Amino acid sequence: MNNQENEYINRLITIREKQGEIWKEQLMLEIRIHCKFLPQNFDHLENFVSSIGYLPLNNNQKAIEIKNKRFKIIQEAKRHWLNYFLNIYEIKIQEYEQQYQNEFIKLESLLSNN
């Protein structure tokens, strides 16, 4: 094997290693979702939705209703974030796959010319 062929093979290996890291990160997130143990950055959503400490004490039913709405808003935002993160992983995996295929075609072309 010549140097150029080795370079292509090394690039193919590097691409698969990077793709493997993305798969690993995606799998870890999916496991955390399954175990209901989300990464800490998801907890920051609770800071974005205003607190309800200003509610009047004389209307307990209204306070419970507002707390429940706040909880639902936070849960929905977390679902959107999770979908966003999972979509990003899929896009990255597809990009690495495309890079791999392009490099593989170049290697095949090089080998067929020799």
PDB file of N, CA and C in Angstrom:
ATOM      1  N   MET A   1       0.837  -1.181   0.000  1.00  0.00           N
ATOM      2  CA  MET A   1       0.000   0.000   0.000  1.00  0.00           C
ATOM      3  C   MET A   1       0.884   1.247   0.000  1.00  0.00           C
ATOM      4  N   ASN A   2       0.483   2.234  -0.786  1.00  0.00           N
ATOM      5  CA  ASN A   2       1.281   3.458  -0.822  1.00  0.00           C
ATOM      6  C   ASN A   2       0.750   4.481   0.187  1.00  0.00           C
ATOM      7  N   ASN A   3       1.456   5.598   0.292  1.00  0.00           N
ATOM      8  CA  ASN A   3       1.102   6.621   1.281  1.00  0.00           C
ATOM      9  C   ASN A   3      -0.287   7.207   1.057  1.00  0.00           C
ATOM     10  N   GLN A   4      -0.636   7.438  -0.180  1.00  0.00           N
ATOM     11  CA  GLN A   4      -1.943   8.023  -0.480  1.00  0.00           C
ATOM     12  C   GLN A   4      -3.078   7.081  -0.063  1.00  0.00           C
ATOM     13  N   GLU A   5      -2.908   5.802  -0.312  1.00  0.00           N
ATOM     14  CA  GLU A   5      -3.915   4.818   0.106  1.00  0.00           C
ATOM     15  C   GLU A   5      -4.018   4.781   1.626  1.00  0.00           C
ATOM     16  N   ASN A   6      -2.875   4.826   2.298  1.00  0.00           N
ATOM     17  CA  ASN A   6      -2.876   4.847   3.766  1.00  0.00           C
ATOM     18  C   ASN A   6      -3.586   6.085   4.308  1.00  0.00           C
ATOM     19  N   GLU A   7      -3.380   7.218   3.655  1.00  0.00           N
ATOM     20  CA  GLU A   7      -4.050   8.448   4.089  1.00  0.00           C
ATOM     21  C   GLU A   7      -5.565   8.307   3.988  1.00  0.00           C
ATOM     22  N   TYR A   8      -6.045   7.745   2.886  1.00  0.00           N
ATOM     23  CA  TYR A   8      -7.489   7.536   2.733  1.00  0.00           C
ATOM     24  C   TYR A   8      -8.018   6.590   3.806  1.00  0.00           C
ATOM     25  N   ILE A   9      -7.306   5.522   4.042  1.00  0.00           N
ATOM     26  CA  ILE A   9      -7.741   4.552   5.057  1.00  0.00           C
ATOM     27  C   ILE A   9      -7.752   5.196   6.438  1.00  0.00           C
ATOM     28  N   ASN A  10      -6.736   5.984   6.742  1.00  0.00           N
ATOM     29  CA  ASN A  10      -6.700   6.675   8.036  1.00  0.00           C
ATOM     30  C   ASN A  10      -7.850   7.665   8.171  1.00  0.00           C
ATOM     31  N   ARG A  11      -8.174   8.360   7.080  1.00  0.00           N
ATOM     32  CA  ARG A  11      -9.317   9.281   7.120  1.00  0.00           C
ATOM     33  C   ARG A  11     -10.623   8.519   7.341  1.00  0.00           C
ATOM     34  N   LEU A  12     -10.762   7.373   6.691  1.00  0.00           N
ATOM     35  CA  LEU A  12     -11.964   6.551   6.884  1.00  0.00           C
ATOM     36  C   LEU A  12     -12.085   6.103   8.333  1.00  0.00           C
ATOM     37  N   ILE A  13     -10.977   5.688   8.912  1.00  0.00           N
ATOM     38  CA  ILE A  13     -10.981   5.253  10.316  1.00  0.00           C
ATOM     39  C   ILE A  13     -11.342   6.418  11.228  1.00  0.00           C
ATOM     40  N   THR A  14     -10.761   7.583  10.973  1.00  0.00           N
ATOM     41  CA  THR A  14     -11.039   8.763  11.795  1.00  0.00           C
ATOM     42  C   THR A  14     -12.509   9.155  11.717  1.00  0.00           C
ATOM     43  N   ILE A  15     -13.067   9.116  10.525  1.00  0.00           N
ATOM     44  CA  ILE A  15     -14.486   9.454  10.359  1.00  0.00           C
ATOM     45  C   ILE A  15     -15.356   8.488  11.152  1.00  0.00           C
ATOM     46  N   ARG A  16     -15.071   7.192  11.065  1.00  0.00           N
ATOM     47  CA  ARG A  16     -15.865   6.200  11.810  1.00  0.00           C
ATOM     48  C   ARG A  16     -15.702   6.386  13.319  1.00  0.00           C
ATOM     49  N   GLU A  17     -14.505   6.756  13.768  1.00  0.00           N
ATOM     50  CA  GLU A  17     -14.300   6.989  15.202  1.00  0.00           C
ATOM     51  C   GLU A  17     -15.125   8.180  15.676  1.00  0.00           C
ATOM     52  N   LYS A  18     -15.128   9.259  14.884  1.00  0.00           N
ATOM     53  CA  LYS A  18     -15.931  10.434  15.242  1.00  0.00           C
ATOM     54  C   LYS A  18     -17.415  10.094  15.231  1.00  0.00           C
ATOM     55  N   GLN A  19     -17.826   9.325  14.238  1.00  0.00           N
ATOM     56  CA  GLN A  19     -19.223   8.903  14.153  1.00  0.00           C
ATOM     57  C   GLN A  19     -19.581   8.031  15.355  1.00  0.00           C
ATOM     58  N   GLY A  20     -18.661   7.172  15.750  1.00  0.00           N
ATOM     59  CA  GLY A  20     -18.887   6.322  16.918  1.00  0.00           C
ATOM     60  C   GLY A  20     -19.063   7.132  18.187  1.00  0.00           C
ATOM     61  N   GLU A  21     -18.312   8.224  18.321  1.00  0.00           N
ATOM     62  CA  GLU A  21     -18.469   9.097  19.490  1.00  0.00           C
ATOM     63  C   GLU A  21     -19.857   9.729  19.523  1.00  0.00           C
ATOM     64  N   ILE A  22     -20.341  10.132  18.364  1.00  0.00           N
ATOM     65  CA  ILE A  22     -21.686  10.713  18.295  1.00  0.00           C
ATOM     66  C   ILE A  22     -22.728   9.659  18.662  1.00  0.00           C
ATOM     67  N   TRP A  23     -22.572   8.445  18.125  1.00  0.00           N
ATOM     68  CA  TRP A  23     -23.495   7.357  18.485  1.00  0.00           C
ATOM     69  C   TRP A  23     -23.478   7.117  19.994  1.00  0.00           C
ATOM     70  N   LYS A  24     -22.302   7.144  20.577  1.00  0.00           N
ATOM     71  CA  LYS A  24     -22.168   6.918  22.021  1.00  0.00           C
ATOM     72  C   LYS A  24     -22.897   8.013  22.805  1.00  0.00           C
ATOM     73  N   GLU A  25     -22.695   9.277  22.406  1.00  0.00           N
ATOM     74  CA  GLU A  25     -23.384  10.383  23.078  1.00  0.00           C
ATOM     75  C   GLU A  25     -24.895  10.252  22.934  1.00  0.00           C
ATOM     76  N   GLN A  26     -25.341   9.888  21.731  1.00  0.00           N
ATOM     77  CA  GLN A  26     -26.775   9.722  21.493  1.00  0.00           C
ATOM     78  C   GLN A  26     -27.335   8.592  22.358  1.00  0.00           C
ATOM     79  N   LEU A  27     -26.627   7.494  22.414  1.00  0.00           N
ATOM     80  CA  LEU A  27     -27.071   6.365  23.227  1.00  0.00           C
ATOM     81  C   LEU A  27     -27.144   6.745  24.699  1.00  0.00           C
ATOM     82  N   MET A  28     -26.145   7.490  25.177  1.00  0.00           N
ATOM     83  CA  MET A  28     -26.158   7.918  26.576  1.00  0.00           C
ATOM     84  C   MET A  28     -27.373   8.797  26.863  1.00  0.00           C
ATOM     85  N   LEU A  29     -27.691   9.700  25.944  1.00  0.00           N
ATOM     86  CA  LEU A  29     -28.868  10.544  26.140  1.00  0.00           C
ATOM     87  C   LEU A  29     -30.136   9.698  26.140  1.00  0.00           C
ATOM     88  N   GLU A  30     -30.234   8.739  25.218  1.00  0.00           N
ATOM     89  CA  GLU A  30     -31.421   7.881  25.168  1.00  0.00           C
ATOM     90  C   GLU A  30     -31.562   7.052  26.440  1.00  0.00           C
ATOM     91  N   ILE A  31     -30.452   6.583  26.979  1.00  0.00           N
ATOM     92  CA  ILE A  31     -30.495   5.830  28.241  1.00  0.00           C
ATOM     93  C   ILE A  31     -30.949   6.744  29.370  1.00  0.00           C
ATOM     94  N   ARG A  32     -30.419   7.968  29.403  1.00  0.00           N
ATOM     95  CA  ARG A  32     -30.821   8.920  30.443  1.00  0.00           C
ATOM     96  C   ARG A  32     -32.315   9.236  30.338  1.00  0.00           C
ATOM     97  N   ILE A  33     -32.813   9.354  29.107  1.00  0.00           N
ATOM     98  CA  ILE A  33     -34.243   9.605  28.915  1.00  0.00           C
ATOM     99  C   ILE A  33     -35.043   8.427  29.459  1.00  0.00           C
ATOM    100  N   HIS A  34     -34.622   7.233  29.103  1.00  0.00           N
ATOM    101  CA  HIS A  34     -35.322   6.026  29.553  1.00  0.00           C
ATOM    102  C   HIS A  34     -35.329   5.928  31.080  1.00  0.00           C
ATOM    103  N   CYS A  35     -34.226   6.294  31.703  1.00  0.00           N
ATOM    104  CA  CYS A  35     -34.113   6.222  33.171  1.00  0.00           C
ATOM    105  C   CYS A  35     -34.683   7.463  33.858  1.00  0.00           C
ATOM    106  N   LYS A  36     -35.168   8.415  33.051  1.00  0.00           N
ATOM    107  CA  LYS A  36     -35.711   9.677  33.572  1.00  0.00           C
ATOM    108  C   LYS A  36     -34.681  10.421  34.413  1.00  0.00           C
ATOM    109  N   PHE A  37     -33.439  10.444  33.908  1.00  0.00           N
ATOM    110  CA  PHE A  37     -32.334  11.132  34.565  1.00  0.00           C
ATOM    111  C   PHE A  37     -31.661  12.008  33.516  1.00  0.00           C
ATOM    112  N   LEU A  38     -32.299  13.132  33.228  1.00  0.00           N
ATOM    113  CA  LEU A  38     -31.829  14.004  32.152  1.00  0.00           C
ATOM    114  C   LEU A  38     -30.550  14.737  32.547  1.00  0.00           C
ATOM    115  N   PRO A  39     -29.778  15.163  31.552  1.00  0.00           N
ATOM    116  CA  PRO A  39     -28.583  15.965  31.846  1.00  0.00           C
ATOM    117  C   PRO A  39     -28.960  17.237  32.606  1.00  0.00           C
ATOM    118  N   GLN A  40     -27.999  17.773  33.353  1.00  0.00           N
ATOM    119  CA  GLN A  40     -28.276  18.925  34.212  1.00  0.00           C
ATOM    120  C   GLN A  40     -28.732  20.157  33.448  1.00  0.00           C
ATOM    121  N   ASN A  41     -28.277  20.324  32.212  1.00  0.00           N
ATOM    122  CA  ASN A  41     -28.678  21.523  31.476  1.00  0.00           C
ATOM    123  C   ASN A  41     -30.187  21.584  31.248  1.00  0.00           C
ATOM    124  N   PHE A  42     -30.880  20.467  31.342  1.00  0.00           N
ATOM    125  CA  PHE A  42     -32.335  20.477  31.207  1.00  0.00           C
ATOM    126  C   PHE A  42     -32.999  21.093  32.438  1.00  0.00           C
ATOM    127  N   ASP A  43     -32.321  21.054  33.573  1.00  0.00           N
ATOM    128  CA  ASP A  43     -32.870  21.661  34.786  1.00  0.00           C
ATOM    129  C   ASP A  43     -32.913  23.182  34.692  1.00  0.00           C
ATOM    130  N   HIS A  44     -32.097  23.759  33.826  1.00  0.00           N
ATOM    131  CA  HIS A  44     -32.066  25.212  33.680  1.00  0.00           C
ATOM    132  C   HIS A  44     -33.378  25.757  33.124  1.00  0.00           C
ATOM    133  N   LEU A  45     -34.162  24.909  32.490  1.00  0.00           N
ATOM    134  CA  LEU A  45     -35.454  25.358  31.961  1.00  0.00           C
ATOM    135  C   LEU A  45     -36.354  25.891  33.068  1.00  0.00           C
ATOM    136  N   GLU A  46     -36.213  25.338  34.244  1.00  0.00           N
ATOM    137  CA  GLU A  46     -37.064  25.779  35.347  1.00  0.00           C
ATOM    138  C   GLU A  46     -36.773  27.222  35.730  1.00  0.00           C
ATOM    139  N   ASN A  47     -35.567  27.694  35.436  1.00  0.00           N
ATOM    140  CA  ASN A  47     -35.222  29.083  35.727  1.00  0.00           C
ATOM    141  C   ASN A  47     -35.810  30.043  34.699  1.00  0.00           C
ATOM    142  N   PHE A  48     -36.101  29.531  33.489  1.00  0.00           N
ATOM    143  CA  PHE A  48     -36.650  30.383  32.441  1.00  0.00           C
ATOM    144  C   PHE A  48     -38.138  30.644  32.633  1.00  0.00           C
ATOM    145  N   VAL A  49     -38.824  29.717  33.240  1.00  0.00           N
ATOM    146  CA  VAL A  49     -40.258  29.881  33.480  1.00  0.00           C
ATOM    147  C   VAL A  49     -40.405  30.509  34.852  1.00  0.00           C
ATOM    148  N   SER A  50     -41.044  31.661  34.905  1.00  0.00           N
ATOM    149  CA  SER A  50     -41.079  32.440  36.142  1.00  0.00           C
ATOM    150  C   SER A  50     -41.667  31.648  37.303  1.00  0.00           C
ATOM    151  N   SER A  51     -41.169  31.969  38.456  1.00  0.00           N
ATOM    152  CA  SER A  51     -41.619  31.326  39.686  1.00  0.00           C
ATOM    153  C   SER A  51     -43.019  31.823  40.030  1.00  0.00           C
ATOM    154  N   ILE A  52     -43.671  31.086  40.905  1.00  0.00           N
ATOM    155  CA  ILE A  52     -45.040  31.463  41.269  1.00  0.00           C
ATOM    156  C   ILE A  52     -45.123  31.880  42.734  1.00  0.00           C
ATOM    157  N   GLY A  53     -44.053  32.372  43.282  1.00  0.00           N
ATOM    158  CA  GLY A  53     -44.020  32.780  44.678  1.00  0.00           C
ATOM    159  C   GLY A  53     -44.848  34.012  44.975  1.00  0.00           C
ATOM    160  N   TYR A  54     -45.315  34.720  43.975  1.00  0.00           N
ATOM    161  CA  TYR A  54     -46.068  35.957  44.157  1.00  0.00           C
ATOM    162  C   TYR A  54     -47.574  35.732  44.250  1.00  0.00           C
ATOM    163  N   LEU A  55     -48.030  34.496  44.209  1.00  0.00           N
ATOM    164  CA  LEU A  55     -49.466  34.209  44.221  1.00  0.00           C
ATOM    165  C   LEU A  55     -50.084  34.558  45.570  1.00  0.00           C
ATOM    166  N   PRO A  56     -51.313  35.035  45.549  1.00  0.00           N
ATOM    167  CA  PRO A  56     -51.999  35.324  46.818  1.00  0.00           C
ATOM    168  C   PRO A  56     -52.248  34.030  47.599  1.00  0.00           C
ATOM    169  N   LEU A  57     -52.087  34.110  48.884  1.00  0.00           N
ATOM    170  CA  LEU A  57     -52.237  32.930  49.735  1.00  0.00           C
ATOM    171  C   LEU A  57     -53.691  32.531  49.928  1.00  0.00           C
ATOM    172  N   ASN A  58     -54.631  33.420  49.668  1.00  0.00           N
ATOM    173  CA  ASN A  58     -56.037  33.128  49.938  1.00  0.00           C
ATOM    174  C   ASN A  58     -56.726  32.319  48.837  1.00  0.00           C
ATOM    175  N   ASN A  59     -56.053  32.055  47.724  1.00  0.00           N
ATOM    176  CA  ASN A  59     -56.684  31.308  46.643  1.00  0.00           C
ATOM    177  C   ASN A  59     -55.843  30.068  46.334  1.00  0.00           C
ATOM    178  N   ASN A  60     -56.021  29.045  47.147  1.00  0.00           N
ATOM    179  CA  ASN A  60     -55.223  27.822  47.038  1.00  0.00           C
ATOM    180  C   ASN A  60     -55.478  27.091  45.724  1.00  0.00           C
ATOM    181  N   GLN A  61     -56.723  27.036  45.277  1.00  0.00           N
ATOM    182  CA  GLN A  61     -57.061  26.345  44.030  1.00  0.00           C
ATOM    183  C   GLN A  61     -56.363  26.996  42.844  1.00  0.00           C
ATOM    184  N   LYS A  62     -56.368  28.319  42.795  1.00  0.00           N
ATOM    185  CA  LYS A  62     -55.717  29.043  41.702  1.00  0.00           C
ATOM    186  C   LYS A  62     -54.203  28.804  41.737  1.00  0.00           C
ATOM    187  N   ALA A  63     -53.614  28.769  42.920  1.00  0.00           N
ATOM    188  CA  ALA A  63     -52.175  28.526  43.057  1.00  0.00           C
ATOM    189  C   ALA A  63     -51.811  27.142  42.527  1.00  0.00           C
ATOM    190  N   ILE A  64     -52.616  26.148  42.847  1.00  0.00           N
ATOM    191  CA  ILE A  64     -52.371  24.781  42.366  1.00  0.00           C
ATOM    192  C   ILE A  64     -52.492  24.731  40.847  1.00  0.00           C
ATOM    193  N   GLU A  65     -53.507  25.401  40.320  1.00  0.00           N
ATOM    194  CA  GLU A  65     -53.710  25.425  38.871  1.00  0.00           C
ATOM    195  C   GLU A  65     -52.509  26.059  38.155  1.00  0.00           C
ATOM    196  N   ILE A  66     -52.017  27.155  38.679  1.00  0.00           N
ATOM    197  CA  ILE A  66     -50.876  27.840  38.060  1.00  0.00           C
ATOM    198  C   ILE A  66     -49.612  26.996  38.183  1.00  0.00           C
ATOM    199  N   LYS A  67     -49.410  26.352  39.320  1.00  0.00           N
ATOM    200  CA  LYS A  67     -48.249  25.459  39.483  1.00  0.00           C
ATOM    201  C   LYS A  67     -48.296  24.323  38.468  1.00  0.00           C
ATOM    202  N   ASN A  68     -49.485  23.759  38.270  1.00  0.00           N
ATOM    203  CA  ASN A  68     -49.638  22.672  37.293  1.00  0.00           C
ATOM    204  C   ASN A  68     -49.361  23.151  35.872  1.00  0.00           C
ATOM    205  N   LYS A  69     -49.837  24.353  35.534  1.00  0.00           N
ATOM    206  CA  LYS A  69     -49.571  24.901  34.199  1.00  0.00           C
ATOM    207  C   LYS A  69     -48.073  25.134  34.006  1.00  0.00           C
ATOM    208  N   ARG A  70     -47.430  25.662  35.023  1.00  0.00           N
ATOM    209  CA  ARG A  70     -45.982  25.901  34.954  1.00  0.00           C
ATOM    210  C   ARG A  70     -45.246  24.578  34.732  1.00  0.00           C
ATOM    211  N   PHE A  71     -45.637  23.551  35.473  1.00  0.00           N
ATOM    212  CA  PHE A  71     -45.010  22.234  35.333  1.00  0.00           C
ATOM    213  C   PHE A  71     -45.195  21.700  33.913  1.00  0.00           C
ATOM    214  N   LYS A  72     -46.404  21.834  33.365  1.00  0.00           N
ATOM    215  CA  LYS A  72     -46.676  21.359  31.999  1.00  0.00           C
ATOM    216  C   LYS A  72     -45.839  22.116  30.971  1.00  0.00           C
ATOM    217  N   ILE A  73     -45.690  23.420  31.164  1.00  0.00           N
ATOM    218  CA  ILE A  73     -44.871  24.219  30.246  1.00  0.00           C
ATOM    219  C   ILE A  73     -43.424  23.745  30.278  1.00  0.00           C
ATOM    220  N   ILE A  74     -42.908  23.495  31.470  1.00  0.00           N
ATOM    221  CA  ILE A  74     -41.523  23.025  31.613  1.00  0.00           C
ATOM    222  C   ILE A  74     -41.362  21.655  30.970  1.00  0.00           C
ATOM    223  N   GLN A  75     -42.304  20.758  31.193  1.00  0.00           N
ATOM    224  CA  GLN A  75     -42.222  19.418  30.605  1.00  0.00           C
ATOM    225  C   GLN A  75     -42.258  19.483  29.075  1.00  0.00           C
ATOM    226  N   GLU A  76     -43.115  20.332  28.545  1.00  0.00           N
ATOM    227  CA  GLU A  76     -43.204  20.478  27.090  1.00  0.00           C
ATOM    228  C   GLU A  76     -41.899  21.050  26.528  1.00  0.00           C
ATOM    229  N   ALA A  77     -41.327  22.011  27.213  1.00  0.00           N
ATOM    230  CA  ALA A  77     -40.049  22.583  26.770  1.00  0.00           C
ATOM    231  C   ALA A  77     -38.950  21.520  26.799  1.00  0.00           C
ATOM    232  N   LYS A  78     -38.947  20.681  27.814  1.00  0.00           N
ATOM    233  CA  LYS A  78     -37.954  19.603  27.888  1.00  0.00           C
ATOM    234  C   LYS A  78     -38.128  18.622  26.732  1.00  0.00           C
ATOM    235  N   ARG A  79     -39.374  18.309  26.384  1.00  0.00           N
ATOM    236  CA  ARG A  79     -39.621  17.427  25.238  1.00  0.00           C
ATOM    237  C   ARG A  79     -39.079  18.041  23.949  1.00  0.00           C
ATOM    238  N   HIS A  80     -39.304  19.345  23.786  1.00  0.00           N
ATOM    239  CA  HIS A  80     -38.782  20.022  22.591  1.00  0.00           C
ATOM    240  C   HIS A  80     -37.254  19.983  22.571  1.00  0.00           C
ATOM    241  N   TRP A  81     -36.638  20.244  23.707  1.00  0.00           N
ATOM    242  CA  TRP A  81     -35.168  20.194  23.790  1.00  0.00           C
ATOM    243  C   TRP A  81     -34.661  18.795  23.464  1.00  0.00           C
ATOM    244  N   LEU A  82     -35.309  17.780  24.024  1.00  0.00           N
ATOM    245  CA  LEU A  82     -34.878  16.402  23.760  1.00  0.00           C
ATOM    246  C   LEU A  82     -34.971  16.084  22.273  1.00  0.00           C
ATOM    247  N   ASN A  83     -36.074  16.449  21.646  1.00  0.00           N
ATOM    248  CA  ASN A  83     -36.218  16.221  20.204  1.00  0.00           C
ATOM    249  C   ASN A  83     -35.147  16.964  19.423  1.00  0.00           C
ATOM    250  N   TYR A  84     -34.863  18.189  19.839  1.00  0.00           N
ATOM    251  CA  TYR A  84     -33.827  18.980  19.186  1.00  0.00           C
ATOM    252  C   TYR A  84     -32.473  18.282  19.298  1.00  0.00           C
ATOM    253  N   PHE A  85     -32.103  17.858  20.499  1.00  0.00           N
ATOM    254  CA  PHE A  85     -30.822  17.183  20.707  1.00  0.00           C
ATOM    255  C   PHE A  85     -30.738  15.885  19.904  1.00  0.00           C
ATOM    256  N   LEU A  86     -31.781  15.091  19.915  1.00  0.00           N
ATOM    257  CA  LEU A  86     -31.775  13.831  19.170  1.00  0.00           C
ATOM    258  C   LEU A  86     -31.679  14.077  17.665  1.00  0.00           C
ATOM    259  N   ASN A  87     -32.355  15.108  17.179  1.00  0.00           N
ATOM    260  CA  ASN A  87     -32.253  15.447  15.755  1.00  0.00           C
ATOM    261  C   ASN A  87     -30.843  15.892  15.391  1.00  0.00           C
ATOM    262  N   ILE A  88     -30.209  16.645  16.265  1.00  0.00           N
ATOM    263  CA  ILE A  88     -28.824  17.080  16.020  1.00  0.00           C
ATOM    264  C   ILE A  88     -27.908  15.870  15.914  1.00  0.00           C
ATOM    265  N   TYR A  89     -28.071  14.903  16.818  1.00  0.00           N
ATOM    266  CA  TYR A  89     -27.245  13.690  16.751  1.00  0.00           C
ATOM    267  C   TYR A  89     -27.451  12.970  15.424  1.00  0.00           C
ATOM    268  N   GLU A  90     -28.690  12.844  14.991  1.00  0.00           N
ATOM    269  CA  GLU A  90     -28.979  12.169  13.726  1.00  0.00           C
ATOM    270  C   GLU A  90     -28.332  12.896  12.547  1.00  0.00           C
ATOM    271  N   ILE A  91     -28.408  14.209  12.560  1.00  0.00           N
ATOM    272  CA  ILE A  91     -27.805  14.994  11.479  1.00  0.00           C
ATOM    273  C   ILE A  91     -26.293  14.804  11.457  1.00  0.00           C
ATOM    274  N   LYS A  92     -25.667  14.844  12.631  1.00  0.00           N
ATOM    275  CA  LYS A  92     -24.210  14.654  12.695  1.00  0.00           C
ATOM    276  C   LYS A  92     -23.811  13.266  12.199  1.00  0.00           C
ATOM    277  N   ILE A  93     -24.567  12.261  12.591  1.00  0.00           N
ATOM    278  CA  ILE A  93     -24.275  10.892  12.144  1.00  0.00           C
ATOM    279  C   ILE A  93     -24.393  10.803  10.626  1.00  0.00           C
ATOM    280  N   GLN A  94     -25.431  11.412  10.065  1.00  0.00           N
ATOM    281  CA  GLN A  94     -25.608  11.402   8.608  1.00  0.00           C
ATOM    282  C   GLN A  94     -24.483  12.155   7.899  1.00  0.00           C
ATOM    283  N   GLU A  95     -24.048  13.264   8.492  1.00  0.00           N
ATOM    284  CA  GLU A  95     -22.945  14.019   7.887  1.00  0.00           C
ATOM    285  C   GLU A  95     -21.665  13.186   7.856  1.00  0.00           C
ATOM    286  N   TYR A  96     -21.368  12.513   8.964  1.00  0.00           N
ATOM    287  CA  TYR A  96     -20.179  11.657   8.991  1.00  0.00           C
ATOM    288  C   TYR A  96     -20.319  10.496   8.010  1.00  0.00           C
ATOM    289  N   GLU A  97     -21.521   9.970   7.876  1.00  0.00           N
ATOM    290  CA  GLU A  97     -21.742   8.883   6.917  1.00  0.00           C
ATOM    291  C   GLU A  97     -21.479   9.367   5.494  1.00  0.00           C
ATOM    292  N   GLN A  98     -21.940  10.578   5.197  1.00  0.00           N
ATOM    293  CA  GLN A  98     -21.706  11.139   3.864  1.00  0.00           C
ATOM    294  C   GLN A  98     -20.211  11.364   3.627  1.00  0.00           C
ATOM    295  N   GLN A  99     -19.515  11.885   4.636  1.00  0.00           N
ATOM    296  CA  GLN A  99     -18.060  12.061   4.517  1.00  0.00           C
ATOM    297  C   GLN A  99     -17.376  10.722   4.274  1.00  0.00           C
ATOM    298  N   TYR A 100     -17.808   9.709   5.016  1.00  0.00           N
ATOM    299  CA  TYR A 100     -17.220   8.377   4.872  1.00  0.00           C
ATOM    300  C   TYR A 100     -17.427   7.859   3.449  1.00  0.00           C
ATOM    301  N   GLN A 101     -18.643   7.979   2.952  1.00  0.00           N
ATOM    302  CA  GLN A 101     -18.942   7.485   1.605  1.00  0.00           C
ATOM    303  C   GLN A 101     -18.114   8.221   0.549  1.00  0.00           C
ATOM    304  N   ASN A 102     -17.973   9.539   0.719  1.00  0.00           N
ATOM    305  CA  ASN A 102     -17.168  10.316  -0.230  1.00  0.00           C
ATOM    306  C   ASN A 102     -15.708   9.864  -0.227  1.00  0.00           C
ATOM    307  N   GLU A 103     -15.147   9.677   0.966  1.00  0.00           N
ATOM    308  CA  GLU A 103     -13.754   9.229   1.064  1.00  0.00           C
ATOM    309  C   GLU A 103     -13.596   7.808   0.519  1.00  0.00           C
ATOM    310  N   PHE A 104     -14.589   6.976   0.774  1.00  0.00           N
ATOM    311  CA  PHE A 104     -14.531   5.597   0.294  1.00  0.00           C
ATOM    312  C   PHE A 104     -14.539   5.552  -1.235  1.00  0.00           C
ATOM    313  N   ILE A 105     -15.366   6.392  -1.834  1.00  0.00           N
ATOM    314  CA  ILE A 105     -15.416   6.466  -3.303  1.00  0.00           C
ATOM    315  C   ILE A 105     -14.067   6.919  -3.856  1.00  0.00           C
ATOM    316  N   LYS A 106     -13.450   7.890  -3.196  1.00  0.00           N
ATOM    317  CA  LYS A 106     -12.128   8.354  -3.635  1.00  0.00           C
ATOM    318  C   LYS A 106     -11.093   7.234  -3.536  1.00  0.00           C
ATOM    319  N   LEU A 107     -11.162   6.469  -2.452  1.00  0.00           N
ATOM    320  CA  LEU A 107     -10.231   5.352  -2.284  1.00  0.00           C
ATOM    321  C   LEU A 107     -10.466   4.298  -3.360  1.00  0.00           C
ATOM    322  N   GLU A 108     -11.718   3.962  -3.614  1.00  0.00           N
ATOM    323  CA  GLU A 108     -12.026   2.993  -4.673  1.00  0.00           C
ATOM    324  C   GLU A 108     -11.492   3.465  -6.024  1.00  0.00           C
ATOM    325  N   SER A 109     -11.665   4.741  -6.296  1.00  0.00           N
ATOM    326  CA  SER A 109     -11.181   5.303  -7.557  1.00  0.00           C
ATOM    327  C   SER A 109      -9.657   5.207  -7.643  1.00  0.00           C
ATOM    328  N   LEU A 110      -8.998   5.512  -6.552  1.00  0.00           N
ATOM    329  CA  LEU A 110      -7.538   5.423  -6.512  1.00  0.00           C
ATOM    330  C   LEU A 110      -7.072   3.991  -6.745  1.00  0.00           C
ATOM    331  N   LEU A 111      -7.743   3.050  -6.079  1.00  0.00           N
ATOM    332  CA  LEU A 111      -7.354   1.642  -6.213  1.00  0.00           C
ATOM    333  C   LEU A 111      -7.632   1.108  -7.617  1.00  0.00           C
ATOM    334  N   SER A 112      -8.708   1.565  -8.239  1.00  0.00           N
ATOM    335  CA  SER A 112      -9.027   1.074  -9.584  1.00  0.00           C
ATOM    336  C   SER A 112      -8.078   1.646 -10.640  1.00  0.00           C
ATOM    337  N   ASN A 113      -7.488   2.801 -10.335  1.00  0.00           N
ATOM    338  CA  ASN A 113      -6.534   3.409 -11.272  1.00  0.00           C
ATOM    339  C   ASN A 113      -5.142   2.791 -11.172  1.00  0.00           C
ATOM    340  N   ASN A 114      -4.902   2.056 -10.094  1.00  0.00           N
ATOM    341  CA  ASN A 114      -3.570   1.435  -9.925  1.00  0.00           C
ATOM    342  C   ASN A 114      -3.513   0.089 -10.545  1.00  0.00           C
TER     343      ASN A 114
END
